[in-house]
Amino acid sequence: MTKAFFGCAVATALAAFAAPSAAFAQDSYNREVVIENAGNSAIYFIYFSHSDDDHWGDDRLGEEEVVEAGATRLFDFNDGSGECVFDVQATFENGETVELYEVNVCGVSTLDANEQRMWIEE
């Protein structure tokens, strides 16, 4: 009976310490950003990565999806890291590629892109 009580007390103490750290790992920032295709051709590839990362990672549209001219697509930049600053790249059907660096996705709701540039919608 003493071992059971001790085990229960240890489990309760560990849960009390673990719960706050889980709460601190979460924040209330919205990392969802709309990318609007303001160009004349479809966007075939969209990449984003932390600004301090040297690699773009995987295409966020996948093999089947494109963002047609004039269309929008919502992206969730929340990767569990707590990071807010990302670099974004879009490649169009005609091969033109545009990039925008150090985008604070915790404070931006829409990015526009055409074949010449990408910008934060004001």
Protein backbone atom coordinates (compact mmCIF):
# COMPACT_ATOMS: atom_id res chain seq x y z
CA MET A 1 0.00 0.00 0.00
CA THR A 2 2.88 2.37 0.69
CA LYS A 3 4.42 1.70 -2.74
CA ALA A 4 1.09 2.40 -4.44
CA PHE A 5 0.71 5.67 -2.54
CA PHE A 6 4.30 6.69 -3.34
CA GLY A 7 3.84 5.82 -7.05
CA CYS A 8 0.64 7.87 -7.19
CA ALA A 9 2.34 10.83 -5.51
CA VAL A 10 5.26 10.68 -7.97
CA ALA A 11 2.92 10.47 -10.95
CA THR A 12 0.92 13.45 -9.66
CA ALA A 13 4.07 15.51 -9.12
CA LEU A 14 5.38 14.68 -12.59
CA ALA A 15 2.05 15.61 -14.17
CA ALA A 16 2.08 18.94 -12.35
CA PHE A 17 5.52 19.76 -13.74
CA ALA A 18 4.77 18.47 -17.24
CA ALA A 19 1.51 20.39 -17.69
CA PRO A 20 3.03 23.88 -17.51
CA SER A 21 5.81 23.04 -19.96
CA ALA A 22 3.23 21.79 -22.47
CA ALA A 23 1.31 25.03 -22.03
CA PHE A 24 4.44 27.09 -22.66
CA ALA A 25 5.16 25.11 -25.85
CA GLN A 26 1.87 26.36 -27.29
CA ASP A 27 1.33 29.98 -28.20
CA SER A 28 -1.64 31.88 -29.53
CA TYR A 29 -0.09 33.10 -32.78
CA ASN A 30 -1.97 32.39 -35.99
CA ARG A 31 0.52 31.14 -38.57
CA GLU A 32 -2.02 30.71 -41.37
CA VAL A 33 -1.21 32.81 -44.42
CA VAL A 34 -3.08 33.13 -47.71
CA ILE A 35 -0.94 33.19 -50.85
CA GLU A 36 -2.72 34.94 -53.69
CA ASN A 37 -1.63 34.32 -57.27
CA ALA A 38 -1.65 37.80 -58.81
CA GLY A 39 0.15 36.52 -61.90
CA ASN A 40 -0.93 35.41 -65.36
CA SER A 41 0.02 31.75 -65.01
CA ALA A 42 -0.46 29.05 -62.41
CA ILE A 43 1.88 28.59 -59.45
CA TYR A 44 3.23 25.05 -59.65
CA PHE A 45 5.48 24.97 -56.58
CA ILE A 46 5.47 26.74 -53.20
CA TYR A 47 8.25 26.27 -50.69
CA PHE A 48 8.82 27.78 -47.28
CA SER A 49 11.41 27.30 -44.58
CA HIS A 50 12.67 28.97 -41.42
CA SER A 51 14.70 32.03 -42.38
CA ASP A 52 17.82 30.55 -40.78
CA ASP A 53 17.51 27.30 -42.79
CA ASP A 54 19.59 26.84 -45.97
CA HIS A 55 17.13 24.41 -47.58
CA TRP A 56 13.61 24.97 -48.90
CA GLY A 57 12.25 21.55 -48.04
CA ASP A 58 9.29 19.94 -49.77
CA ASP A 59 6.89 21.54 -52.23
CA ARG A 60 3.85 22.55 -50.14
CA LEU A 61 1.42 22.06 -53.03
CA GLY A 62 2.29 18.43 -53.63
CA GLU A 63 2.24 16.65 -56.96
CA GLU A 64 -1.38 17.31 -57.97
CA GLU A 65 -2.19 20.83 -56.80
CA VAL A 66 -1.52 24.23 -58.42
CA VAL A 67 -2.70 27.76 -57.59
CA GLU A 68 -4.34 29.07 -60.74
CA ALA A 69 -3.96 32.71 -61.83
CA GLY A 70 -6.27 34.84 -59.68
CA ALA A 71 -6.79 32.07 -57.10
CA THR A 72 -5.72 31.87 -53.46
CA ARG A 73 -4.50 29.09 -51.20
CA LEU A 74 -4.30 29.01 -47.40
CA PHE A 75 -1.09 27.65 -45.86
CA ASP A 76 -0.48 26.79 -42.22
CA PHE A 77 3.13 27.64 -41.34
CA ASN A 78 2.79 26.15 -37.84
CA ASP A 79 5.37 23.38 -37.75
CA GLY A 80 5.45 23.06 -33.96
CA SER A 81 8.76 24.92 -33.62
CA GLY A 82 7.25 28.19 -32.37
CA GLU A 83 9.04 29.97 -35.22
CA CYS A 84 7.35 32.99 -36.84
CA VAL A 85 9.91 34.09 -39.45
CA PHE A 86 9.98 32.18 -42.75
CA ASP A 87 11.30 32.55 -46.29
CA VAL A 88 8.78 31.82 -49.06
CA GLN A 89 9.35 30.83 -52.69
CA ALA A 90 6.83 30.38 -55.54
CA THR A 91 7.55 28.94 -58.99
CA PHE A 92 5.13 29.62 -61.82
CA GLU A 93 4.09 27.46 -64.75
CA ASN A 94 6.40 29.45 -67.06
CA GLY A 95 9.41 28.72 -64.80
CA GLU A 96 9.64 32.17 -63.20
CA THR A 97 10.55 31.96 -59.50
CA VAL A 98 9.97 34.67 -56.90
CA GLU A 99 11.08 34.75 -53.27
CA LEU A 100 10.32 36.78 -50.18
CA TYR A 101 12.62 36.58 -47.17
CA GLU A 102 12.05 36.97 -43.43
CA VAL A 103 8.25 37.02 -43.53
CA ASN A 104 6.76 37.23 -40.04
CA VAL A 105 3.87 34.80 -40.55
CA CYS A 106 2.63 35.54 -37.02
CA GLY A 107 1.79 39.08 -38.15
CA VAL A 108 0.92 38.67 -41.84
CA SER A 109 -2.31 37.31 -43.28
CA THR A 110 -1.79 37.53 -47.07
CA LEU A 111 1.11 37.32 -49.51
CA ASP A 112 0.64 38.23 -53.17
CA ALA A 113 2.83 36.83 -55.92
CA ASN A 114 3.19 37.35 -59.64
CA GLU A 115 5.87 36.30 -62.09
CA GLN A 116 8.08 39.30 -61.17
CA ARG A 117 7.83 39.56 -57.38
CA MET A 118 6.20 38.51 -54.10
CA TRP A 119 4.96 41.02 -51.53
CA ILE A 120 3.01 41.37 -48.30
CA GLU A 121 -0.51 42.59 -48.93
CA GLU A 122 -1.19 45.71 -46.89
